[in-house]
Amino acid sequence: KETAHYLTWRDTVTPMMAEPRTARRYANRFPDDAGW
């Protein structure tokens, strides 16, 4: 999220969004982290 391409994209699409972007974090249940 620090690349010039991402920052340009983010600034370009912000006015097009119906609501501000949000992030969600998920935890995998299966397989466990070692299985990835």
C-alpha atoms as a PDB file:
ATOM      1  CA  LYS A   1       0.000   0.000   0.000  1.00  0.00           C
ATOM      2  CA  GLU A   2       3.017   2.243  -0.238  1.00  0.00           C
ATOM      3  CA  THR A   3       3.697   1.951  -3.965  1.00  0.00           C
ATOM      4  CA  ALA A   4       3.123   4.885  -6.269  1.00  0.00           C
ATOM      5  CA  HIS A   5       0.640   2.798  -8.273  1.00  0.00           C
ATOM      6  CA  TYR A   6      -1.498   2.018  -5.224  1.00  0.00           C
ATOM      7  CA  LEU A   7      -1.452   5.604  -3.959  1.00  0.00           C
ATOM      8  CA  THR A   8      -2.508   6.877  -7.383  1.00  0.00           C
ATOM      9  CA  TRP A   9      -5.308   4.317  -7.563  1.00  0.00           C
ATOM     10  CA  ARG A  10      -6.492   5.101  -4.031  1.00  0.00           C
ATOM     11  CA  ASP A  11      -6.610   8.837  -4.666  1.00  0.00           C
ATOM     12  CA  THR A  12      -8.346   8.322  -8.022  1.00  0.00           C
ATOM     13  CA  VAL A  13     -11.146   6.075  -6.790  1.00  0.00           C
ATOM     14  CA  THR A  14     -11.860   7.793  -3.469  1.00  0.00           C
ATOM     15  CA  PRO A  15     -14.439  10.196  -4.942  1.00  0.00           C
ATOM     16  CA  MET A  16     -16.151   7.271  -6.710  1.00  0.00           C
ATOM     17  CA  MET A  17     -16.800   5.330  -3.503  1.00  0.00           C
ATOM     18  CA  ALA A  18     -20.305   5.309  -2.021  1.00  0.00           C
ATOM     19  CA  GLU A  19     -18.723   5.135   1.427  1.00  0.00           C
ATOM     20  CA  PRO A  20     -15.169   5.154   2.782  1.00  0.00           C
ATOM     21  CA  ARG A  21     -13.153   1.996   2.273  1.00  0.00           C
ATOM     22  CA  THR A  22     -12.717  -0.280   5.277  1.00  0.00           C
ATOM     23  CA  ALA A  23     -10.465  -3.195   6.080  1.00  0.00           C
ATOM     24  CA  ARG A  24     -11.401  -6.470   7.718  1.00  0.00           C
ATOM     25  CA  ARG A  25      -9.015  -8.941   9.256  1.00  0.00           C
ATOM     26  CA  TYR A  26      -9.794 -12.626   9.224  1.00  0.00           C
ATOM     27  CA  ALA A  27      -8.276 -15.613  10.991  1.00  0.00           C
ATOM     28  CA  ASN A  28      -8.158 -18.891   9.139  1.00  0.00           C
ATOM     29  CA  ARG A  29      -9.605 -21.891  10.937  1.00  0.00           C
ATOM     30  CA  PHE A  30      -8.579 -24.662   8.592  1.00  0.00           C
ATOM     31  CA  PRO A  31      -5.927 -25.420   7.748  1.00  0.00           C
ATOM     32  CA  ASP A  32      -3.980 -23.768  10.533  1.00  0.00           C
ATOM     33  CA  ASP A  33      -1.173 -21.354   9.730  1.00  0.00           C
ATOM     34  CA  ALA A  34       1.319 -24.194   9.316  1.00  0.00           C
ATOM     35  CA  GLY A  35      -0.913 -25.680   6.622  1.00  0.00           C
ATOM     36  CA  TRP A  36      -0.525 -22.679   4.374  1.00  0.00           C
END
